[in-house]
Amino acid sequence: MLPHLRVFLLALGLGLLPASPARALDLLKGGSQPAGEFVILSGGPALREWENLRAEQARHDRWWGNFVRAARIRMDQIRAQYGDQAVITWLVYRTGYELRGQEDAEDHMAKILSVQEKIKCRLIWFRETDTVIDYLNNGGQGLARASVKIGDFEYFGHSNKYCFTFDYSGEVLGASKVFLHQDDLKRLQPGIFARGAHVKSWGCYTGEAMSSAFRAQTGVRMIGARGKTDYSNCWKETLPELSTSSGRWVVR
């Protein structure tokens, strides 16, 4: 098998290639010019205070940094491919890491800032869904959405089939107070994504409903999981995986 074809098939199997054949070909060639801004979105961890009340097999977030470590791995890949010219913006749910840091008696915020310094990305903290919607629509920090489209949008965090749950078991056991529901997608402005944009949710279940809603609103396909995803091997510098052999990545 030709080396470049082997790399292409491996990337496809890992779910790293976009739905657009043209965009996939660009990545295969190792194109030096990114198609637009890379926007990485990280939800927050659960509190052990709440999760320890669950049955052992149902507990989440034994490690506070699952969603930021996975984001860092992905941003490292982007930097390796496109270099310093890639514009990477990292939106992080601040409240979740403040609360977990207080619980762990550790400065998780400083650790996130160290990732920003290493990656040299734009870091935007948020507490409300409105901040995420506004950034996707309008850009910010001197970056106007009218001139710089989103070429890559990826989510790392808790989710269900209908929404990204930025907060989950952070303030209420088994519930979310801050989330992006598929109905909120109607607030996204047309034309904010570049042609052939790569969009992927690395959370659980979003391929079962939210991916279709995303495409209906934006015209852009979103890769999502049928079933759960597993972040437990991120410490090995690998991106989240499907939790079971019956799960699969789908493109809607």
C-alpha atoms as a PDB file:
ATOM      1  CA  MET A   1       0.000   0.000   0.000  1.00  0.00           C
ATOM      2  CA  LEU A   2       1.301   3.465  -0.882  1.00  0.00           C
ATOM      3  CA  PRO A   3       2.460   5.425   2.219  1.00  0.00           C
ATOM      4  CA  HIS A   4       0.182   8.422   1.593  1.00  0.00           C
ATOM      5  CA  LEU A   5      -2.824   6.136   1.134  1.00  0.00           C
ATOM      6  CA  ARG A   6      -2.030   4.345   4.384  1.00  0.00           C
ATOM      7  CA  VAL A   7      -1.964   7.681   6.214  1.00  0.00           C
ATOM      8  CA  PHE A   8      -5.260   8.683   4.602  1.00  0.00           C
ATOM      9  CA  LEU A   9      -6.999   5.452   5.654  1.00  0.00           C
ATOM     10  CA  LEU A  10      -5.647   5.727   9.191  1.00  0.00           C
ATOM     11  CA  ALA A  11      -6.920   9.290   9.512  1.00  0.00           C
ATOM     12  CA  LEU A  12     -10.278   8.245   8.124  1.00  0.00           C
ATOM     13  CA  GLY A  13     -10.538   5.462  10.672  1.00  0.00           C
ATOM     14  CA  LEU A  14      -9.751   7.864  13.500  1.00  0.00           C
ATOM     15  CA  GLY A  15     -12.462  10.249  12.308  1.00  0.00           C
ATOM     16  CA  LEU A  16      -9.980  13.051  11.662  1.00  0.00           C
ATOM     17  CA  LEU A  17     -10.925  13.736   8.061  1.00  0.00           C
ATOM     18  CA  PRO A  18     -13.842  16.005   7.180  1.00  0.00           C
ATOM     19  CA  ALA A  19     -16.941  14.993   5.302  1.00  0.00           C
ATOM     20  CA  SER A  20     -16.042  17.109   2.268  1.00  0.00           C
ATOM     21  CA  PRO A  21     -13.953  15.133  -0.275  1.00  0.00           C
ATOM     22  CA  ALA A  22     -12.205  18.336  -1.383  1.00  0.00           C
ATOM     23  CA  ARG A  23     -11.300  19.217   2.194  1.00  0.00           C
ATOM     24  CA  ALA A  24     -10.157  15.634   2.848  1.00  0.00           C
ATOM     25  CA  LEU A  25      -7.897  15.810  -0.204  1.00  0.00           C
ATOM     26  CA  ASP A  26      -6.435  19.094   1.002  1.00  0.00           C
ATOM     27  CA  LEU A  27      -5.578  17.510   4.350  1.00  0.00           C
ATOM     28  CA  LEU A  28      -4.151  14.437   2.639  1.00  0.00           C
ATOM     29  CA  LYS A  29      -1.817  16.661   0.648  1.00  0.00           C
ATOM     30  CA  GLY A  30      -0.745  18.365   3.862  1.00  0.00           C
ATOM     31  CA  GLY A  31      -1.988  21.692   2.518  1.00  0.00           C
ATOM     32  CA  SER A  32      -0.132  24.618   4.038  1.00  0.00           C
ATOM     33  CA  GLN A  33      -3.040  27.058   3.839  1.00  0.00           C
ATOM     34  CA  PRO A  34      -5.870  26.487   6.341  1.00  0.00           C
ATOM     35  CA  ALA A  35      -9.361  27.057   4.989  1.00  0.00           C
ATOM     36  CA  GLY A  36     -10.360  29.348   7.872  1.00  0.00           C
ATOM     37  CA  GLU A  37     -10.338  29.668  11.640  1.00  0.00           C
ATOM     38  CA  PHE A  38     -10.067  26.587  13.854  1.00  0.00           C
ATOM     39  CA  VAL A  39     -12.542  26.803  16.735  1.00  0.00           C
ATOM     40  CA  ILE A  40     -12.137  24.279  19.550  1.00  0.00           C
ATOM     41  CA  LEU A  41     -14.832  24.164  22.247  1.00  0.00           C
ATOM     42  CA  SER A  42     -14.281  22.502  25.645  1.00  0.00           C
ATOM     43  CA  GLY A  43     -16.989  21.802  28.200  1.00  0.00           C
ATOM     44  CA  GLY A  44     -16.328  21.433  31.906  1.00  0.00           C
ATOM     45  CA  PRO A  45     -15.826  18.436  34.197  1.00  0.00           C
ATOM     46  CA  ALA A  46     -18.221  17.058  36.776  1.00  0.00           C
ATOM     47  CA  LEU A  47     -17.652  17.429  40.503  1.00  0.00           C
ATOM     48  CA  ARG A  48     -16.611  14.320  42.397  1.00  0.00           C
ATOM     49  CA  GLU A  49     -18.956  15.442  45.175  1.00  0.00           C
ATOM     50  CA  TRP A  50     -21.894  14.548  42.944  1.00  0.00           C
ATOM     51  CA  GLU A  51     -20.450  11.765  40.849  1.00  0.00           C
ATOM     52  CA  ASN A  52     -19.378   9.743  43.877  1.00  0.00           C
ATOM     53  CA  LEU A  53     -23.058   9.411  44.769  1.00  0.00           C
ATOM     54  CA  ARG A  54     -23.595   7.372  41.600  1.00  0.00           C
ATOM     55  CA  ALA A  55     -23.084   3.664  41.124  1.00  0.00           C
ATOM     56  CA  GLU A  56     -19.429   3.018  40.256  1.00  0.00           C
ATOM     57  CA  GLN A  57     -20.096   2.104  36.632  1.00  0.00           C
ATOM     58  CA  ALA A  58     -22.019   5.357  36.026  1.00  0.00           C
ATOM     59  CA  ARG A  59     -19.397   7.798  37.331  1.00  0.00           C
ATOM     60  CA  HIS A  60     -17.825  10.464  35.095  1.00  0.00           C
ATOM     61  CA  ASP A  61     -14.699  12.600  35.071  1.00  0.00           C
ATOM     62  CA  ARG A  62     -12.379  10.780  37.399  1.00  0.00           C
ATOM     63  CA  TRP A  63      -9.733  13.066  35.949  1.00  0.00           C
ATOM     64  CA  TRP A  64     -10.512  16.772  35.762  1.00  0.00           C
ATOM     65  CA  GLY A  65      -8.626  17.366  32.509  1.00  0.00           C
ATOM     66  CA  ASN A  66     -10.241  14.960  30.036  1.00  0.00           C
ATOM     67  CA  PHE A  67     -11.771  17.664  27.850  1.00  0.00           C
ATOM     68  CA  VAL A  68      -8.838  20.066  27.903  1.00  0.00           C
ATOM     69  CA  ARG A  69      -6.268  17.317  27.289  1.00  0.00           C
ATOM     70  CA  ALA A  70      -8.228  16.074  24.271  1.00  0.00           C
ATOM     71  CA  ALA A  71      -8.482  19.647  22.978  1.00  0.00           C
ATOM     72  CA  ARG A  72      -4.733  20.117  23.421  1.00  0.00           C
ATOM     73  CA  ILE A  73      -4.013  16.919  21.461  1.00  0.00           C
ATOM     74  CA  ARG A  74      -6.177  18.153  18.609  1.00  0.00           C
ATOM     75  CA  MET A  75      -4.622  21.630  18.637  1.00  0.00           C
ATOM     76  CA  ASP A  76      -1.159  20.037  18.561  1.00  0.00           C
ATOM     77  CA  GLN A  77      -2.216  18.204  15.397  1.00  0.00           C
ATOM     78  CA  ILE A  78      -3.401  21.443  13.812  1.00  0.00           C
ATOM     79  CA  ARG A  79      -0.137  23.205  14.651  1.00  0.00           C
ATOM     80  CA  ALA A  80       1.882  20.262  13.293  1.00  0.00           C
ATOM     81  CA  GLN A  81       0.003  20.414   9.992  1.00  0.00           C
ATOM     82  CA  TYR A  82      -0.413  24.146   9.443  1.00  0.00           C
ATOM     83  CA  GLY A  83       2.223  25.737  11.657  1.00  0.00           C
ATOM     84  CA  ASP A  84       1.953  29.153  13.241  1.00  0.00           C
ATOM     85  CA  GLN A  85      -0.226  30.549  10.454  1.00  0.00           C
ATOM     86  CA  ALA A  86      -3.246  28.596  11.673  1.00  0.00           C
ATOM     87  CA  VAL A  87      -5.663  30.770  13.669  1.00  0.00           C
ATOM     88  CA  ILE A  88      -6.845  28.638  16.588  1.00  0.00           C
ATOM     89  CA  THR A  89      -9.461  29.850  19.061  1.00  0.00           C
ATOM     90  CA  TRP A  90     -10.165  27.788  22.173  1.00  0.00           C
ATOM     91  CA  LEU A  91     -13.418  28.405  24.039  1.00  0.00           C
ATOM     92  CA  VAL A  92     -13.408  26.907  27.549  1.00  0.00           C
ATOM     93  CA  TYR A  93     -16.271  26.698  30.057  1.00  0.00           C
ATOM     94  CA  ARG A  94     -14.711  28.639  32.935  1.00  0.00           C
ATOM     95  CA  THR A  95     -17.170  27.874  35.739  1.00  0.00           C
ATOM     96  CA  GLY A  96     -16.624  24.131  35.457  1.00  0.00           C
ATOM     97  CA  TYR A  97     -12.873  24.387  35.948  1.00  0.00           C
ATOM     98  CA  GLU A  98     -13.171  26.917  38.752  1.00  0.00           C
ATOM     99  CA  LEU A  99     -15.517  24.614  40.677  1.00  0.00           C
ATOM    100  CA  ARG A 100     -13.454  21.493  40.054  1.00  0.00           C
ATOM    101  CA  GLY A 101     -10.281  23.358  40.969  1.00  0.00           C
ATOM    102  CA  GLN A 102     -11.812  24.378  44.294  1.00  0.00           C
ATOM    103  CA  GLU A 103     -12.870  20.786  44.923  1.00  0.00           C
ATOM    104  CA  ASP A 104      -9.439  19.375  44.015  1.00  0.00           C
ATOM    105  CA  ALA A 105      -7.574  22.205  45.787  1.00  0.00           C
ATOM    106  CA  GLU A 106      -5.556  22.705  42.589  1.00  0.00           C
ATOM    107  CA  ASP A 107      -5.161  25.612  40.183  1.00  0.00           C
ATOM    108  CA  HIS A 108      -6.685  24.077  37.056  1.00  0.00           C
ATOM    109  CA  MET A 109      -7.048  27.508  35.502  1.00  0.00           C
ATOM    110  CA  ALA A 110      -3.282  27.974  35.483  1.00  0.00           C
ATOM    111  CA  LYS A 111      -2.871  24.600  33.783  1.00  0.00           C
ATOM    112  CA  ILE A 112      -5.256  25.646  31.030  1.00  0.00           C
ATOM    113  CA  LEU A 113      -3.369  28.909  30.601  1.00  0.00           C
ATOM    114  CA  SER A 114      -0.146  26.930  30.206  1.00  0.00           C
ATOM    115  CA  VAL A 115      -1.745  25.023  27.314  1.00  0.00           C
ATOM    116  CA  GLN A 116      -2.711  28.311  25.681  1.00  0.00           C
ATOM    117  CA  GLU A 117       0.870  29.517  25.996  1.00  0.00           C
ATOM    118  CA  LYS A 118       2.248  26.307  24.488  1.00  0.00           C
ATOM    119  CA  ILE A 119      -0.211  26.184  21.584  1.00  0.00           C
ATOM    120  CA  LYS A 120      -0.246  29.953  21.050  1.00  0.00           C
ATOM    121  CA  CYS A 121      -3.990  29.975  20.557  1.00  0.00           C
ATOM    122  CA  ARG A 122      -6.664  32.526  21.404  1.00  0.00           C
ATOM    123  CA  LEU A 123      -8.291  31.515  24.707  1.00  0.00           C
ATOM    124  CA  ILE A 124     -11.830  32.684  25.406  1.00  0.00           C
ATOM    125  CA  TRP A 125     -13.385  31.767  28.730  1.00  0.00           C
ATOM    126  CA  PHE A 126     -17.170  31.546  28.818  1.00  0.00           C
ATOM    127  CA  ARG A 127     -19.861  31.034  31.436  1.00  0.00           C
ATOM    128  CA  GLU A 128     -22.983  31.254  29.275  1.00  0.00           C
ATOM    129  CA  THR A 129     -24.052  29.728  25.968  1.00  0.00           C
ATOM    130  CA  ASP A 130     -24.657  33.230  24.588  1.00  0.00           C
ATOM    131  CA  THR A 131     -20.897  33.825  24.560  1.00  0.00           C
ATOM    132  CA  VAL A 132     -20.348  30.766  22.369  1.00  0.00           C
ATOM    133  CA  ILE A 133     -23.128  31.717  19.953  1.00  0.00           C
ATOM    134  CA  ASP A 134     -21.864  35.283  19.724  1.00  0.00           C
ATOM    135  CA  TYR A 135     -18.310  34.188  18.992  1.00  0.00           C
ATOM    136  CA  LEU A 136     -19.347  31.726  16.303  1.00  0.00           C
ATOM    137  CA  ASN A 137     -21.483  34.393  14.648  1.00  0.00           C
ATOM    138  CA  ASN A 138     -19.230  37.400  14.945  1.00  0.00           C
ATOM    139  CA  GLY A 139     -15.693  36.350  15.805  1.00  0.00           C
ATOM    140  CA  GLY A 140     -13.835  38.587  18.201  1.00  0.00           C
ATOM    141  CA  GLN A 141     -10.448  39.849  19.398  1.00  0.00           C
ATOM    142  CA  GLY A 142      -9.969  41.662  16.102  1.00  0.00           C
ATOM    143  CA  LEU A 143     -11.150  38.699  14.019  1.00  0.00           C
ATOM    144  CA  ALA A 144     -14.300  39.550  12.033  1.00  0.00           C
ATOM    145  CA  ARG A 145     -16.474  36.636  10.954  1.00  0.00           C
ATOM    146  CA  ALA A 146     -17.369  38.439   7.746  1.00  0.00           C
ATOM    147  CA  SER A 147     -13.758  38.108   6.568  1.00  0.00           C
ATOM    148  CA  VAL A 148     -12.569  34.938   8.357  1.00  0.00           C
ATOM    149  CA  LYS A 149     -14.903  31.965   8.220  1.00  0.00           C
ATOM    150  CA  ILE A 150     -14.793  28.919  10.480  1.00  0.00           C
ATOM    151  CA  GLY A 151     -12.916  26.153   8.686  1.00  0.00           C
ATOM    152  CA  ASP A 152     -12.883  23.680  11.572  1.00  0.00           C
ATOM    153  CA  PHE A 153     -15.195  23.424  14.601  1.00  0.00           C
ATOM    154  CA  GLU A 154     -14.818  20.652  17.183  1.00  0.00           C
ATOM    155  CA  TYR A 155     -16.383  19.994  20.579  1.00  0.00           C
ATOM    156  CA  PHE A 156     -14.876  18.109  23.522  1.00  0.00           C
ATOM    157  CA  GLY A 157     -17.137  17.589  26.499  1.00  0.00           C
ATOM    158  CA  HIS A 158     -20.250  15.959  27.877  1.00  0.00           C
ATOM    159  CA  SER A 159     -23.219  15.709  25.541  1.00  0.00           C
ATOM    160  CA  ASN A 160     -26.356  13.797  24.737  1.00  0.00           C
ATOM    161  CA  LYS A 161     -28.148  13.270  21.448  1.00  0.00           C
ATOM    162  CA  TYR A 162     -29.731  16.734  21.590  1.00  0.00           C
ATOM    163  CA  CYS A 163     -27.117  19.053  23.077  1.00  0.00           C
ATOM    164  CA  PHE A 164     -23.593  19.894  24.185  1.00  0.00           C
ATOM    165  CA  THR A 165     -23.731  19.993  27.988  1.00  0.00           C
ATOM    166  CA  PHE A 166     -20.969  22.415  28.980  1.00  0.00           C
ATOM    167  CA  ASP A 167     -21.949  21.962  32.621  1.00  0.00           C
ATOM    168  CA  TYR A 168     -22.831  18.430  33.728  1.00  0.00           C
ATOM    169  CA  SER A 169     -22.934  17.358  37.376  1.00  0.00           C
ATOM    170  CA  GLY A 170     -21.088  20.555  38.126  1.00  0.00           C
ATOM    171  CA  GLU A 171     -23.757  22.236  40.186  1.00  0.00           C
ATOM    172  CA  VAL A 172     -26.592  19.666  40.156  1.00  0.00           C
ATOM    173  CA  LEU A 173     -26.165  15.887  40.170  1.00  0.00           C
ATOM    174  CA  GLY A 174     -26.782  14.432  36.711  1.00  0.00           C
ATOM    175  CA  ALA A 175     -28.069  17.718  35.269  1.00  0.00           C
ATOM    176  CA  SER A 176     -26.782  20.603  33.170  1.00  0.00           C
ATOM    177  CA  LYS A 177     -27.314  24.307  33.825  1.00  0.00           C
ATOM    178  CA  VAL A 178     -25.346  25.562  30.798  1.00  0.00           C
ATOM    179  CA  PHE A 179     -25.725  23.832  27.441  1.00  0.00           C
ATOM    180  CA  LEU A 180     -26.049  24.301  23.685  1.00  0.00           C
ATOM    181  CA  HIS A 181     -29.266  22.572  22.627  1.00  0.00           C
ATOM    182  CA  GLN A 182     -29.982  21.732  19.008  1.00  0.00           C
ATOM    183  CA  ASP A 183     -32.761  24.339  19.113  1.00  0.00           C
ATOM    184  CA  ASP A 184     -30.064  26.949  19.880  1.00  0.00           C
ATOM    185  CA  LEU A 185     -28.504  26.213  16.499  1.00  0.00           C
ATOM    186  CA  LYS A 186     -31.244  28.361  14.958  1.00  0.00           C
ATOM    187  CA  ARG A 187     -29.384  31.349  16.403  1.00  0.00           C
ATOM    188  CA  LEU A 188     -26.334  30.707  14.212  1.00  0.00           C
ATOM    189  CA  GLN A 189     -25.987  33.136  11.319  1.00  0.00           C
ATOM    190  CA  PRO A 190     -25.805  31.815   7.756  1.00  0.00           C
ATOM    191  CA  GLY A 191     -22.422  31.813   6.051  1.00  0.00           C
ATOM    192  CA  ILE A 192     -20.201  31.627   9.144  1.00  0.00           C
ATOM    193  CA  PHE A 193     -18.576  28.358   8.051  1.00  0.00           C
ATOM    194  CA  ALA A 194     -16.074  28.049   5.218  1.00  0.00           C
ATOM    195  CA  ARG A 195     -16.931  25.875   2.256  1.00  0.00           C
ATOM    196  CA  GLY A 196     -16.091  22.268   3.094  1.00  0.00           C
ATOM    197  CA  ALA A 197     -15.660  23.064   6.816  1.00  0.00           C
ATOM    198  CA  HIS A 198     -14.783  20.173   9.109  1.00  0.00           C
ATOM    199  CA  VAL A 199     -17.153  19.915  12.082  1.00  0.00           C
ATOM    200  CA  LYS A 200     -17.029  17.169  14.696  1.00  0.00           C
ATOM    201  CA  SER A 201     -18.481  16.500  18.124  1.00  0.00           C
ATOM    202  CA  TRP A 202     -16.269  14.242  20.232  1.00  0.00           C
ATOM    203  CA  GLY A 203     -19.015  13.917  22.849  1.00  0.00           C
ATOM    204  CA  CYS A 204     -21.475  11.074  23.384  1.00  0.00           C
ATOM    205  CA  TYR A 205     -24.574  10.426  21.237  1.00  0.00           C
ATOM    206  CA  THR A 206     -24.584  13.618  19.125  1.00  0.00           C
ATOM    207  CA  GLY A 207     -24.602  11.607  15.895  1.00  0.00           C
ATOM    208  CA  GLU A 208     -28.069  10.360  16.819  1.00  0.00           C
ATOM    209  CA  ALA A 209     -29.894  13.694  16.472  1.00  0.00           C
ATOM    210  CA  MET A 210     -27.843  16.856  16.872  1.00  0.00           C
ATOM    211  CA  SER A 211     -25.712  16.231  13.777  1.00  0.00           C
ATOM    212  CA  SER A 212     -28.812  16.277  11.585  1.00  0.00           C
ATOM    213  CA  ALA A 213     -30.074  19.458  13.259  1.00  0.00           C
ATOM    214  CA  PHE A 214     -26.687  21.082  12.716  1.00  0.00           C
ATOM    215  CA  ARG A 215     -26.724  20.354   9.018  1.00  0.00           C
ATOM    216  CA  ALA A 216     -30.339  21.505   8.670  1.00  0.00           C
ATOM    217  CA  GLN A 217     -29.446  24.874  10.175  1.00  0.00           C
ATOM    218  CA  THR A 218     -25.977  25.495   8.732  1.00  0.00           C
ATOM    219  CA  GLY A 219     -25.796  23.343   5.615  1.00  0.00           C
ATOM    220  CA  VAL A 220     -22.597  21.826   7.045  1.00  0.00           C
ATOM    221  CA  ARG A 221     -22.263  18.175   8.002  1.00  0.00           C
ATOM    222  CA  MET A 222     -21.265  17.361  11.573  1.00  0.00           C
ATOM    223  CA  ILE A 223     -19.521  14.123  12.472  1.00  0.00           C
ATOM    224  CA  GLY A 224     -20.964  12.679  15.675  1.00  0.00           C
ATOM    225  CA  ALA A 225     -21.028   9.453  17.636  1.00  0.00           C
ATOM    226  CA  ARG A 226     -23.720   6.851  17.794  1.00  0.00           C
ATOM    227  CA  GLY A 227     -23.286   5.705  21.360  1.00  0.00           C
ATOM    228  CA  LYS A 228     -20.806   6.855  23.976  1.00  0.00           C
ATOM    229  CA  THR A 229     -17.281   8.149  23.564  1.00  0.00           C
ATOM    230  CA  ASP A 230     -14.358   7.350  25.851  1.00  0.00           C
ATOM    231  CA  TYR A 231     -11.731   9.886  26.982  1.00  0.00           C
ATOM    232  CA  SER A 232      -9.860   7.519  29.306  1.00  0.00           C
ATOM    233  CA  ASN A 233      -6.887   7.031  26.980  1.00  0.00           C
ATOM    234  CA  CYS A 234      -6.205  10.704  26.326  1.00  0.00           C
ATOM    235  CA  TRP A 235      -3.242  10.466  28.698  1.00  0.00           C
ATOM    236  CA  LYS A 236      -1.663   8.300  25.995  1.00  0.00           C
ATOM    237  CA  GLU A 237      -1.915  11.293  23.630  1.00  0.00           C
ATOM    238  CA  THR A 238      -4.813   9.764  21.694  1.00  0.00           C
ATOM    239  CA  LEU A 239      -8.098  11.445  20.862  1.00  0.00           C
ATOM    240  CA  PRO A 240     -11.380  10.142  22.340  1.00  0.00           C
ATOM    241  CA  GLU A 241     -12.575   6.791  21.058  1.00  0.00           C
ATOM    242  CA  LEU A 242     -15.921   5.058  20.722  1.00  0.00           C
ATOM    243  CA  SER A 243     -16.780   3.250  23.938  1.00  0.00           C
ATOM    244  CA  THR A 244     -18.105   0.030  22.441  1.00  0.00           C
ATOM    245  CA  SER A 245     -17.677  -2.042  19.306  1.00  0.00           C
ATOM    246  CA  SER A 246     -21.300  -1.289  18.405  1.00  0.00           C
ATOM    247  CA  GLY A 247     -20.711   2.474  18.425  1.00  0.00           C
ATOM    248  CA  ARG A 248     -19.713   4.319  15.288  1.00  0.00           C
ATOM    249  CA  TRP A 249     -18.971   7.746  13.878  1.00  0.00           C
ATOM    250  CA  VAL A 250     -21.653   9.036  11.558  1.00  0.00           C
ATOM    251  CA  VAL A 251     -21.819  12.000   9.199  1.00  0.00           C
ATOM    252  CA  ARG A 252     -25.218  13.637   8.855  1.00  0.00           C
END
